[in-house]
């Protein structure tokens, strides 16, 4: 299953920079992951300082 970014997101953009397929973009108040593009690699989770990206 694709990753999803929780409300803990602080909008730092670290996850978007770490995503190798460009599945993450800035949303309304937090970053969002496009589940159709996400390859479930977990790079975003490793780059996030607050652990906002989580596997669904």
PDB file of N, CA and C in Angstrom:
ATOM      1  N   UNK A   1       0.831  -1.193   0.000  1.00  0.00           N
ATOM      2  CA  UNK A   1       0.000   0.000   0.000  1.00  0.00           C
ATOM      3  C   UNK A   1       0.869   1.248   0.000  1.00  0.00           C
ATOM      4  N   UNK A   2       0.381   2.269  -0.609  1.00  0.00           N
ATOM      5  CA  UNK A   2       1.107   3.537  -0.692  1.00  0.00           C
ATOM      6  C   UNK A   2       1.213   4.193   0.677  1.00  0.00           C
ATOM      7  N   UNK A   3       2.162   5.092   0.797  1.00  0.00           N
ATOM      8  CA  UNK A   3       2.318   5.871   2.021  1.00  0.00           C
ATOM      9  C   UNK A   3       1.333   7.033   2.005  1.00  0.00           C
ATOM     10  N   UNK A   4       1.016   7.522   3.193  1.00  0.00           N
ATOM     11  CA  UNK A   4       0.139   8.672   3.346  1.00  0.00           C
ATOM     12  C   UNK A   4       0.783   9.582   4.389  1.00  0.00           C
ATOM     13  N   UNK A   5       0.645  10.891   4.228  1.00  0.00           N
ATOM     14  CA  UNK A   5       1.236  11.838   5.165  1.00  0.00           C
ATOM     15  C   UNK A   5       0.185  12.258   6.185  1.00  0.00           C
ATOM     16  N   UNK A   6       0.518  12.067   7.458  1.00  0.00           N
ATOM     17  CA  UNK A   6      -0.420  12.383   8.540  1.00  0.00           C
ATOM     18  C   UNK A   6      -0.475  13.885   8.808  1.00  0.00           C
ATOM     19  N   UNK A   7      -1.361  14.261   9.697  1.00  0.00           N
ATOM     20  CA  UNK A   7      -1.512  15.665  10.076  1.00  0.00           C
ATOM     21  C   UNK A   7      -0.329  16.177  10.893  1.00  0.00           C
ATOM     22  N   UNK A   8       0.611  15.293  11.238  1.00  0.00           N
ATOM     23  CA  UNK A   8       1.824  15.710  11.956  1.00  0.00           C
ATOM     24  C   UNK A   8       2.785  16.483  11.049  1.00  0.00           C
ATOM     25  N   UNK A   9       2.525  16.504   9.761  1.00  0.00           N
ATOM     26  CA  UNK A   9       3.386  17.169   8.770  1.00  0.00           C
ATOM     27  C   UNK A   9       3.627  18.636   9.141  1.00  0.00           C
ATOM     28  N   UNK A  10       4.897  19.047   9.089  1.00  0.00           N
ATOM     29  CA  UNK A  10       5.271  20.430   9.380  1.00  0.00           C
ATOM     30  C   UNK A  10       5.634  21.200   8.105  1.00  0.00           C
ATOM     31  N   UNK A  11       5.332  20.618   6.956  1.00  0.00           N
ATOM     32  CA  UNK A  11       5.543  21.243   5.644  1.00  0.00           C
ATOM     33  C   UNK A  11       6.986  21.665   5.380  1.00  0.00           C
ATOM     34  N   UNK A  12       7.934  20.836   5.802  1.00  0.00           N
ATOM     35  CA  UNK A  12       9.343  21.173   5.579  1.00  0.00           C
ATOM     36  C   UNK A  12       9.809  20.817   4.166  1.00  0.00           C
ATOM     37  N   UNK A  13       9.121  19.873   3.512  1.00  0.00           N
ATOM     38  CA  UNK A  13       9.476  19.479   2.156  1.00  0.00           C
ATOM     39  C   UNK A  13      10.541  18.407   2.056  1.00  0.00           C
ATOM     40  N   UNK A  14      11.041  17.928   3.173  1.00  0.00           N
ATOM     41  CA  UNK A  14      12.073  16.897   3.149  1.00  0.00           C
ATOM     42  C   UNK A  14      11.620  15.624   2.460  1.00  0.00           C
ATOM     43  N   UNK A  15      10.371  15.277   2.638  1.00  0.00           N
ATOM     44  CA  UNK A  15       9.846  14.056   2.023  1.00  0.00           C
ATOM     45  C   UNK A  15       9.796  14.187   0.497  1.00  0.00           C
ATOM     46  N   UNK A  16       9.375  15.347   0.024  1.00  0.00           N
ATOM     47  CA  UNK A  16       9.281  15.564  -1.422  1.00  0.00           C
ATOM     48  C   UNK A  16      10.649  15.497  -2.076  1.00  0.00           C
ATOM     49  N   UNK A  17      11.657  16.047  -1.403  1.00  0.00           N
ATOM     50  CA  UNK A  17      13.017  15.995  -1.936  1.00  0.00           C
ATOM     51  C   UNK A  17      13.553  14.574  -1.959  1.00  0.00           C
ATOM     52  N   UNK A  18      13.146  13.755  -1.007  1.00  0.00           N
ATOM     53  CA  UNK A  18      13.648  12.384  -0.903  1.00  0.00           C
ATOM     54  C   UNK A  18      12.937  11.408  -1.837  1.00  0.00           C
ATOM     55  N   UNK A  19      11.761  11.757  -2.307  1.00  0.00           N
ATOM     56  CA  UNK A  19      10.973  10.828  -3.136  1.00  0.00           C
ATOM     57  C   UNK A  19      11.622  10.633  -4.505  1.00  0.00           C
ATOM     58  N   UNK A  20      12.003   9.390  -4.833  1.00  0.00           N
ATOM     59  CA  UNK A  20      12.688   9.140  -6.106  1.00  0.00           C
ATOM     60  C   UNK A  20      11.784   9.182  -7.337  1.00  0.00           C
ATOM     61  N   UNK A  21      10.469   9.142  -7.132  1.00  0.00           N
ATOM     62  CA  UNK A  21       9.548   9.127  -8.271  1.00  0.00           C
ATOM     63  C   UNK A  21       8.676  10.375  -8.368  1.00  0.00           C
ATOM     64  N   UNK A  22       8.897  11.352  -7.495  1.00  0.00           N
ATOM     65  CA  UNK A  22       8.136  12.598  -7.555  1.00  0.00           C
ATOM     66  C   UNK A  22       6.680  12.453  -7.192  1.00  0.00           C
ATOM     67  N   UNK A  23       6.366  11.545  -6.267  1.00  0.00           N
ATOM     68  CA  UNK A  23       4.978  11.294  -5.894  1.00  0.00           C
ATOM     69  C   UNK A  23       4.446  12.282  -4.860  1.00  0.00           C
ATOM     70  N   UNK A  24       5.322  13.134  -4.314  1.00  0.00           N
ATOM     71  CA  UNK A  24       4.914  14.017  -3.222  1.00  0.00           C
ATOM     72  C   UNK A  24       4.900  15.466  -3.673  1.00  0.00           C
ATOM     73  N   UNK A  25       3.816  16.144  -3.329  1.00  0.00           N
ATOM     74  CA  UNK A  25       3.690  17.558  -3.687  1.00  0.00           C
ATOM     75  C   UNK A  25       3.105  18.322  -2.508  1.00  0.00           C
ATOM     76  N   UNK A  26       3.270  19.630  -2.548  1.00  0.00           N
ATOM     77  CA  UNK A  26       2.753  20.476  -1.482  1.00  0.00           C
ATOM     78  C   UNK A  26       1.243  20.596  -1.622  1.00  0.00           C
ATOM     79  N   UNK A  27       0.555  20.290  -0.546  1.00  0.00           N
ATOM     80  CA  UNK A  27      -0.899  20.376  -0.539  1.00  0.00           C
ATOM     81  C   UNK A  27      -1.366  21.562   0.278  1.00  0.00           C
ATOM     82  N   UNK A  28      -2.583  21.502   0.720  1.00  0.00           N
ATOM     83  CA  UNK A  28      -3.188  22.579   1.505  1.00  0.00           C
ATOM     84  C   UNK A  28      -2.847  22.376   2.982  1.00  0.00           C
ATOM     85  N   UNK A  29      -1.761  22.976   3.440  1.00  0.00           N
ATOM     86  CA  UNK A  29      -1.361  22.881   4.830  1.00  0.00           C
ATOM     87  C   UNK A  29      -0.406  21.751   5.157  1.00  0.00           C
ATOM     88  N   UNK A  30      -0.254  20.794   4.254  1.00  0.00           N
ATOM     89  CA  UNK A  30       0.696  19.707   4.438  1.00  0.00           C
ATOM     90  C   UNK A  30       1.010  19.098   3.072  1.00  0.00           C
ATOM     91  N   UNK A  31       2.064  18.307   3.021  1.00  0.00           N
ATOM     92  CA  UNK A  31       2.417  17.642   1.775  1.00  0.00           C
ATOM     93  C   UNK A  31       1.518  16.425   1.580  1.00  0.00           C
ATOM     94  N   UNK A  32       1.319  16.030   0.332  1.00  0.00           N
ATOM     95  CA  UNK A  32       0.469  14.884   0.012  1.00  0.00           C
ATOM     96  C   UNK A  32       1.212  13.942  -0.935  1.00  0.00           C
ATOM     97  N   UNK A  33       0.861  12.674  -0.863  1.00  0.00           N
ATOM     98  CA  UNK A  33       1.465  11.651  -1.695  1.00  0.00           C
ATOM     99  C   UNK A  33       0.427  11.139  -2.681  1.00  0.00           C
ATOM    100  N   UNK A  34       0.790  11.108  -3.955  1.00  0.00           N
ATOM    101  CA  UNK A  34      -0.090  10.553  -4.976  1.00  0.00           C
ATOM    102  C   UNK A  34       0.053   9.033  -4.916  1.00  0.00           C
ATOM    103  N   UNK A  35      -0.989   8.316  -4.488  1.00  0.00           N
ATOM    104  CA  UNK A  35      -0.881   6.863  -4.330  1.00  0.00           C
ATOM    105  C   UNK A  35      -0.673   6.111  -5.643  1.00  0.00           C
ATOM    106  N   UNK A  36      -1.033   6.728  -6.760  1.00  0.00           N
ATOM    107  CA  UNK A  36      -0.855   6.077  -8.053  1.00  0.00           C
ATOM    108  C   UNK A  36       0.594   6.138  -8.531  1.00  0.00           C
ATOM    109  N   UNK A  37       1.380   7.039  -7.946  1.00  0.00           N
ATOM    110  CA  UNK A  37       2.782   7.199  -8.337  1.00  0.00           C
ATOM    111  C   UNK A  37       3.714   6.576  -7.295  1.00  0.00           C
ATOM    112  N   UNK A  38       3.292   6.550  -6.040  1.00  0.00           N
ATOM    113  CA  UNK A  38       4.106   6.036  -4.940  1.00  0.00           C
ATOM    114  C   UNK A  38       4.527   4.589  -5.199  1.00  0.00           C
ATOM    115  N   UNK A  39       5.817   4.298  -5.006  1.00  0.00           N
ATOM    116  CA  UNK A  39       6.346   2.942  -5.190  1.00  0.00           C
ATOM    117  C   UNK A  39       6.635   2.265  -3.849  1.00  0.00           C
ATOM    118  N   UNK A  40       6.169   2.865  -2.760  1.00  0.00           N
ATOM    119  CA  UNK A  40       6.258   2.290  -1.426  1.00  0.00           C
ATOM    120  C   UNK A  40       7.687   1.999  -0.983  1.00  0.00           C
ATOM    121  N   UNK A  41       8.617   2.875  -1.349  1.00  0.00           N
ATOM    122  CA  UNK A  41      10.029   2.645  -1.027  1.00  0.00           C
ATOM    123  C   UNK A  41      10.390   3.070   0.390  1.00  0.00           C
ATOM    124  N   UNK A  42       9.614   3.988   0.986  1.00  0.00           N
ATOM    125  CA  UNK A  42       9.863   4.442   2.342  1.00  0.00           C
ATOM    126  C   UNK A  42      10.887   5.554   2.475  1.00  0.00           C
ATOM    127  N   UNK A  43      11.405   6.062   1.363  1.00  0.00           N
ATOM    128  CA  UNK A  43      12.396   7.144   1.419  1.00  0.00           C
ATOM    129  C   UNK A  43      11.824   8.376   2.111  1.00  0.00           C
ATOM    130  N   UNK A  44      10.563   8.649   1.892  1.00  0.00           N
ATOM    131  CA  UNK A  44       9.929   9.815   2.508  1.00  0.00           C
ATOM    132  C   UNK A  44       9.893   9.682   4.027  1.00  0.00           C
ATOM    133  N   UNK A  45       9.580   8.493   4.509  1.00  0.00           N
ATOM    134  CA  UNK A  45       9.506   8.264   5.954  1.00  0.00           C
ATOM    135  C   UNK A  45      10.868   8.462   6.606  1.00  0.00           C
ATOM    136  N   UNK A  46      11.910   8.041   5.929  1.00  0.00           N
ATOM    137  CA  UNK A  46      13.251   8.193   6.468  1.00  0.00           C
ATOM    138  C   UNK A  46      13.736   9.623   6.481  1.00  0.00           C
ATOM    139  N   UNK A  47      13.193  10.450   5.600  1.00  0.00           N
ATOM    140  CA  UNK A  47      13.625  11.842   5.493  1.00  0.00           C
ATOM    141  C   UNK A  47      12.828  12.792   6.377  1.00  0.00           C
ATOM    142  N   UNK A  48      11.701  12.349   6.873  1.00  0.00           N
ATOM    143  CA  UNK A  48      10.808  13.226   7.638  1.00  0.00           C
ATOM    144  C   UNK A  48      11.248  13.355   9.096  1.00  0.00           C
ATOM    145  N   UNK A  49      11.409  14.595   9.587  1.00  0.00           N
ATOM    146  CA  UNK A  49      11.849  14.783  10.976  1.00  0.00           C
ATOM    147  C   UNK A  49      10.758  14.481  12.017  1.00  0.00           C
ATOM    148  N   UNK A  50       9.493  14.396  11.595  1.00  0.00           N
ATOM    149  CA  UNK A  50       8.414  14.147  12.551  1.00  0.00           C
ATOM    150  C   UNK A  50       7.664  12.838  12.292  1.00  0.00           C
ATOM    151  N   UNK A  51       8.115  12.047  11.330  1.00  0.00           N
ATOM    152  CA  UNK A  51       7.493  10.761  11.050  1.00  0.00           C
ATOM    153  C   UNK A  51       6.111  10.831  10.450  1.00  0.00           C
ATOM    154  N   UNK A  52       5.821  11.886   9.703  1.00  0.00           N
ATOM    155  CA  UNK A  52       4.487  12.069   9.139  1.00  0.00           C
ATOM    156  C   UNK A  52       4.138  11.052   8.047  1.00  0.00           C
ATOM    157  N   UNK A  53       5.071  10.709   7.129  1.00  0.00           N
ATOM    158  CA  UNK A  53       4.708   9.689   6.119  1.00  0.00           C
ATOM    159  C   UNK A  53       4.597   8.310   6.778  1.00  0.00           C
ATOM    160  N   UNK A  54       3.455   7.668   6.571  1.00  0.00           N
ATOM    161  CA  UNK A  54       3.199   6.366   7.172  1.00  0.00           C
ATOM    162  C   UNK A  54       2.586   5.449   6.141  1.00  0.00           C
ATOM    163  N   UNK A  55       2.916   4.160   6.220  1.00  0.00           N
ATOM    164  CA  UNK A  55       2.317   3.182   5.325  1.00  0.00           C
ATOM    165  C   UNK A  55       0.848   3.046   5.687  1.00  0.00           C
ATOM    166  N   UNK A  56       0.017   2.986   4.666  1.00  0.00           N
ATOM    167  CA  UNK A  56      -1.423   2.844   4.917  1.00  0.00           C
ATOM    168  C   UNK A  56      -1.740   1.427   5.314  1.00  0.00           C
TER     169      UNK A  56
END
